[in-house]
């Protein structure tokens, strides 16, 4: 059975935060890079997956990656956002 995934925009709506704010917070905390893809420290956590797609430009096919949030990642994001809102503490990159 495939794992349920959500776009970052869908995840933002589900946890009650604006998508721009979520992207900004995740980039500021180096969870996402400048292309909104998971940073190396986040790639193997099981919280995010990257869907590779392709689009046609005038010079040929171009590949792109789109970050999706797993069900586990959605729970992690929600917990981190709640902690941030309650305490003002930042989202932790590798909570253990």
N, C-alpha and C. Protein backbone atom coordinates (compact mmCIF):
# COMPACT_ATOMS: atom_id res chain seq x y z
N UNK A 1 0.85 -1.18 0.00
CA UNK A 1 0.00 0.00 0.00
C UNK A 1 0.90 1.24 0.00
N UNK A 2 0.66 2.18 -0.92
CA UNK A 2 1.51 3.36 -0.99
C UNK A 2 1.33 4.24 0.25
N UNK A 3 2.43 4.88 0.62
CA UNK A 3 2.41 5.80 1.76
C UNK A 3 1.68 7.07 1.37
N UNK A 4 0.83 7.56 2.25
CA UNK A 4 0.11 8.81 2.02
C UNK A 4 1.11 9.96 2.06
N UNK A 5 1.07 10.81 1.05
CA UNK A 5 1.93 12.00 1.03
C UNK A 5 1.09 13.23 0.73
N UNK A 6 1.64 14.38 1.12
CA UNK A 6 0.96 15.67 0.94
C UNK A 6 1.95 16.66 0.37
N UNK A 7 1.48 17.55 -0.47
CA UNK A 7 2.35 18.65 -0.89
C UNK A 7 2.58 19.54 0.34
N UNK A 8 3.59 20.37 0.28
CA UNK A 8 3.83 21.28 1.40
C UNK A 8 2.67 22.25 1.57
N UNK A 9 2.01 22.63 0.49
CA UNK A 9 0.85 23.50 0.59
C UNK A 9 -0.30 22.79 1.31
N UNK A 10 -0.53 21.52 0.97
CA UNK A 10 -1.57 20.74 1.65
C UNK A 10 -1.23 20.56 3.12
N UNK A 11 0.04 20.25 3.40
CA UNK A 11 0.47 20.06 4.79
C UNK A 11 0.26 21.34 5.59
N UNK A 12 0.59 22.49 5.00
CA UNK A 12 0.40 23.77 5.69
C UNK A 12 -1.07 23.97 6.05
N UNK A 13 -1.96 23.69 5.10
CA UNK A 13 -3.39 23.85 5.36
C UNK A 13 -3.86 22.90 6.46
N UNK A 14 -3.36 21.67 6.46
CA UNK A 14 -3.77 20.69 7.46
C UNK A 14 -3.30 21.04 8.86
N UNK A 15 -2.16 21.72 8.97
CA UNK A 15 -1.66 22.07 10.31
C UNK A 15 -1.98 23.50 10.70
N UNK A 16 -2.68 24.22 9.81
CA UNK A 16 -3.17 25.55 10.17
C UNK A 16 -2.15 26.66 10.12
N UNK A 17 -1.27 26.61 9.13
CA UNK A 17 -0.27 27.67 8.94
C UNK A 17 -0.26 28.02 7.46
N UNK A 18 0.08 29.23 7.13
CA UNK A 18 0.14 29.62 5.73
C UNK A 18 1.31 28.96 5.03
N UNK A 19 1.16 28.62 3.76
CA UNK A 19 2.24 27.92 3.05
C UNK A 19 3.52 28.75 2.96
N UNK A 20 3.40 30.04 2.73
CA UNK A 20 4.61 30.87 2.64
C UNK A 20 5.36 30.87 3.96
N UNK A 21 4.63 30.95 5.06
CA UNK A 21 5.26 30.93 6.38
C UNK A 21 5.94 29.58 6.63
N UNK A 22 5.28 28.49 6.25
CA UNK A 22 5.86 27.16 6.42
C UNK A 22 7.15 27.03 5.62
N UNK A 23 7.11 27.39 4.34
CA UNK A 23 8.32 27.31 3.50
C UNK A 23 9.43 28.14 4.12
N UNK A 24 9.11 29.36 4.54
CA UNK A 24 10.11 30.26 5.11
C UNK A 24 10.72 29.68 6.38
N UNK A 25 9.88 29.15 7.26
CA UNK A 25 10.37 28.56 8.51
C UNK A 25 11.27 27.36 8.24
N UNK A 26 10.86 26.52 7.30
CA UNK A 26 11.65 25.33 7.01
C UNK A 26 12.98 25.67 6.35
N UNK A 27 12.99 26.68 5.49
CA UNK A 27 14.26 27.12 4.89
C UNK A 27 15.16 27.77 5.95
N UNK A 28 14.59 28.60 6.82
CA UNK A 28 15.37 29.27 7.85
C UNK A 28 16.03 28.26 8.79
N UNK A 29 15.39 27.14 9.00
CA UNK A 29 15.91 26.12 9.90
C UNK A 29 16.68 25.03 9.16
N UNK A 30 16.91 25.26 7.88
CA UNK A 30 17.69 24.36 7.02
C UNK A 30 17.11 22.96 6.94
N UNK A 31 15.78 22.89 7.02
CA UNK A 31 15.09 21.63 6.75
C UNK A 31 14.94 21.51 5.24
N UNK A 32 14.66 22.65 4.58
CA UNK A 32 14.61 22.72 3.11
C UNK A 32 15.74 23.61 2.61
N UNK A 33 16.21 23.32 1.39
CA UNK A 33 17.22 24.18 0.78
C UNK A 33 16.55 25.30 0.00
N UNK A 34 17.31 26.08 -0.73
CA UNK A 34 16.76 27.22 -1.48
C UNK A 34 15.83 26.81 -2.62
N UNK A 35 15.88 25.54 -3.02
CA UNK A 35 14.98 25.01 -4.05
C UNK A 35 13.78 24.30 -3.43
N UNK A 36 13.60 24.45 -2.11
CA UNK A 36 12.51 23.82 -1.36
C UNK A 36 12.57 22.29 -1.40
N UNK A 37 13.79 21.76 -1.48
CA UNK A 37 14.01 20.32 -1.40
C UNK A 37 14.64 20.01 -0.04
N UNK A 38 14.40 18.83 0.51
CA UNK A 38 14.98 18.49 1.82
C UNK A 38 16.51 18.57 1.77
N UNK A 39 17.08 19.11 2.84
CA UNK A 39 18.54 19.16 2.94
C UNK A 39 19.08 17.76 3.20
N UNK A 40 20.38 17.54 3.00
CA UNK A 40 20.93 16.20 3.19
C UNK A 40 20.59 15.58 4.55
N UNK A 41 20.57 16.37 5.61
CA UNK A 41 20.27 15.81 6.93
C UNK A 41 18.82 15.36 7.06
N UNK A 42 17.95 15.79 6.17
CA UNK A 42 16.52 15.45 6.23
C UNK A 42 16.12 14.33 5.28
N UNK A 43 16.98 13.99 4.36
CA UNK A 43 16.58 13.07 3.28
C UNK A 43 16.24 11.67 3.74
N UNK A 44 16.87 11.19 4.77
CA UNK A 44 16.66 9.81 5.20
C UNK A 44 15.83 9.69 6.48
N UNK A 45 15.12 10.75 6.84
CA UNK A 45 14.34 10.73 8.09
C UNK A 45 12.98 10.07 7.93
N UNK A 46 12.52 9.93 6.68
CA UNK A 46 11.19 9.37 6.45
C UNK A 46 10.08 10.40 6.52
N UNK A 47 10.43 11.67 6.75
CA UNK A 47 9.42 12.72 6.85
C UNK A 47 9.08 13.35 5.50
N UNK A 48 10.01 13.26 4.56
CA UNK A 48 9.83 13.87 3.25
C UNK A 48 10.23 12.90 2.15
N UNK A 49 9.60 13.03 1.00
CA UNK A 49 10.02 12.33 -0.21
C UNK A 49 10.04 13.38 -1.31
N UNK A 50 10.84 13.12 -2.33
CA UNK A 50 10.92 14.04 -3.46
C UNK A 50 10.39 13.34 -4.70
N UNK A 51 9.39 13.94 -5.30
CA UNK A 51 8.82 13.43 -6.55
C UNK A 51 9.54 14.13 -7.69
N UNK A 52 10.10 13.35 -8.59
CA UNK A 52 10.81 13.91 -9.74
C UNK A 52 9.84 13.98 -10.91
N UNK A 53 9.79 15.13 -11.52
CA UNK A 53 8.92 15.34 -12.68
C UNK A 53 9.71 15.95 -13.82
N UNK A 54 9.04 16.15 -14.92
CA UNK A 54 9.69 16.71 -16.10
C UNK A 54 8.73 17.65 -16.81
N UNK A 55 9.27 18.73 -17.33
CA UNK A 55 8.47 19.64 -18.13
C UNK A 55 9.27 20.02 -19.37
N UNK A 56 8.57 20.41 -20.40
CA UNK A 56 9.21 20.76 -21.67
C UNK A 56 9.43 22.26 -21.75
N UNK A 57 10.66 22.65 -22.05
CA UNK A 57 10.97 24.06 -22.29
C UNK A 57 11.36 24.21 -23.75
N UNK A 58 11.65 25.42 -24.14
CA UNK A 58 12.04 25.68 -25.53
C UNK A 58 13.31 24.95 -25.92
N UNK A 59 14.16 24.64 -24.94
CA UNK A 59 15.42 23.96 -25.24
C UNK A 59 15.39 22.46 -24.95
N UNK A 60 14.24 21.95 -24.56
CA UNK A 60 14.11 20.51 -24.32
C UNK A 60 13.53 20.20 -22.96
N UNK A 61 13.60 18.93 -22.59
CA UNK A 61 13.02 18.47 -21.34
C UNK A 61 13.86 18.95 -20.15
N UNK A 62 13.17 19.36 -19.10
CA UNK A 62 13.83 19.81 -17.87
C UNK A 62 13.24 19.03 -16.70
N UNK A 63 14.09 18.57 -15.82
CA UNK A 63 13.64 17.82 -14.64
C UNK A 63 13.45 18.77 -13.46
N UNK A 64 12.56 18.41 -12.56
CA UNK A 64 12.37 19.18 -11.33
C UNK A 64 12.02 18.21 -10.21
N UNK A 65 12.22 18.65 -8.99
CA UNK A 65 11.85 17.87 -7.82
C UNK A 65 10.79 18.61 -7.03
N UNK A 66 9.85 17.87 -6.48
CA UNK A 66 8.79 18.46 -5.65
C UNK A 66 8.78 17.73 -4.31
N UNK A 67 8.93 18.49 -3.25
CA UNK A 67 8.95 17.92 -1.91
C UNK A 67 7.54 17.56 -1.47
N UNK A 68 7.39 16.32 -1.02
CA UNK A 68 6.13 15.85 -0.46
C UNK A 68 6.37 15.46 1.00
N UNK A 69 5.37 15.64 1.81
CA UNK A 69 5.44 15.31 3.23
C UNK A 69 4.74 13.98 3.46
N UNK A 70 5.39 13.08 4.17
CA UNK A 70 4.78 11.79 4.51
C UNK A 70 3.84 11.98 5.70
N UNK A 71 3.09 10.93 6.01
CA UNK A 71 2.21 10.99 7.17
C UNK A 71 3.04 11.24 8.44
N UNK A 72 4.17 10.55 8.55
CA UNK A 72 5.09 10.78 9.68
C UNK A 72 5.57 12.22 9.70
N UNK A 73 5.91 12.75 8.54
CA UNK A 73 6.38 14.14 8.45
C UNK A 73 5.30 15.14 8.83
N UNK A 74 4.06 14.84 8.48
CA UNK A 74 2.95 15.73 8.84
C UNK A 74 2.82 15.83 10.35
N UNK A 75 2.91 14.70 11.03
CA UNK A 75 2.86 14.70 12.49
C UNK A 75 4.04 15.47 13.09
N UNK A 76 5.23 15.28 12.52
CA UNK A 76 6.42 15.97 13.00
C UNK A 76 6.27 17.48 12.80
N UNK A 77 5.82 17.89 11.62
CA UNK A 77 5.62 19.32 11.35
C UNK A 77 4.62 19.93 12.33
N UNK A 78 3.51 19.24 12.53
CA UNK A 78 2.48 19.76 13.43
C UNK A 78 3.04 19.94 14.83
N UNK A 79 3.76 18.95 15.33
CA UNK A 79 4.37 19.04 16.65
C UNK A 79 5.36 20.20 16.73
N UNK A 80 6.18 20.34 15.70
CA UNK A 80 7.18 21.40 15.69
C UNK A 80 6.54 22.79 15.63
N UNK A 81 5.49 22.93 14.83
CA UNK A 81 4.80 24.22 14.73
C UNK A 81 4.13 24.56 16.06
N UNK A 82 3.50 23.56 16.69
CA UNK A 82 2.87 23.80 17.99
C UNK A 82 3.90 24.23 19.03
N UNK A 83 5.06 23.58 19.06
CA UNK A 83 6.12 23.96 19.99
C UNK A 83 6.60 25.38 19.72
N UNK A 84 6.74 25.72 18.45
CA UNK A 84 7.19 27.05 18.07
C UNK A 84 6.18 28.10 18.52
N UNK A 85 4.90 27.82 18.32
CA UNK A 85 3.86 28.78 18.69
C UNK A 85 3.73 28.91 20.20
N UNK A 86 3.95 27.83 20.94
CA UNK A 86 3.81 27.87 22.40
C UNK A 86 5.03 28.47 23.08
N UNK A 87 6.21 28.14 22.60
CA UNK A 87 7.43 28.53 23.30
C UNK A 87 8.28 29.52 22.54
N UNK A 88 8.02 29.67 21.26
CA UNK A 88 8.87 30.53 20.44
C UNK A 88 10.18 29.86 20.06
N UNK A 89 10.35 28.58 20.42
CA UNK A 89 11.58 27.88 20.08
C UNK A 89 11.54 27.45 18.61
N UNK A 90 12.67 27.32 17.99
CA UNK A 90 12.71 26.97 16.56
C UNK A 90 12.36 25.52 16.30
N UNK A 91 12.03 25.22 15.05
CA UNK A 91 11.84 23.84 14.61
C UNK A 91 13.21 23.18 14.65
N UNK A 92 13.29 22.02 15.27
CA UNK A 92 14.56 21.30 15.36
C UNK A 92 14.72 20.45 14.11
N UNK A 93 15.94 20.44 13.58
CA UNK A 93 16.19 19.69 12.36
C UNK A 93 16.23 18.19 12.61
N UNK A 94 16.84 17.75 13.69
CA UNK A 94 17.00 16.32 13.95
C UNK A 94 16.65 15.99 15.39
N UNK A 95 15.35 16.04 15.74
CA UNK A 95 15.00 15.73 17.12
C UNK A 95 15.20 14.24 17.41
N UNK A 96 15.87 13.94 18.52
CA UNK A 96 16.09 12.54 18.88
C UNK A 96 16.07 12.39 20.37
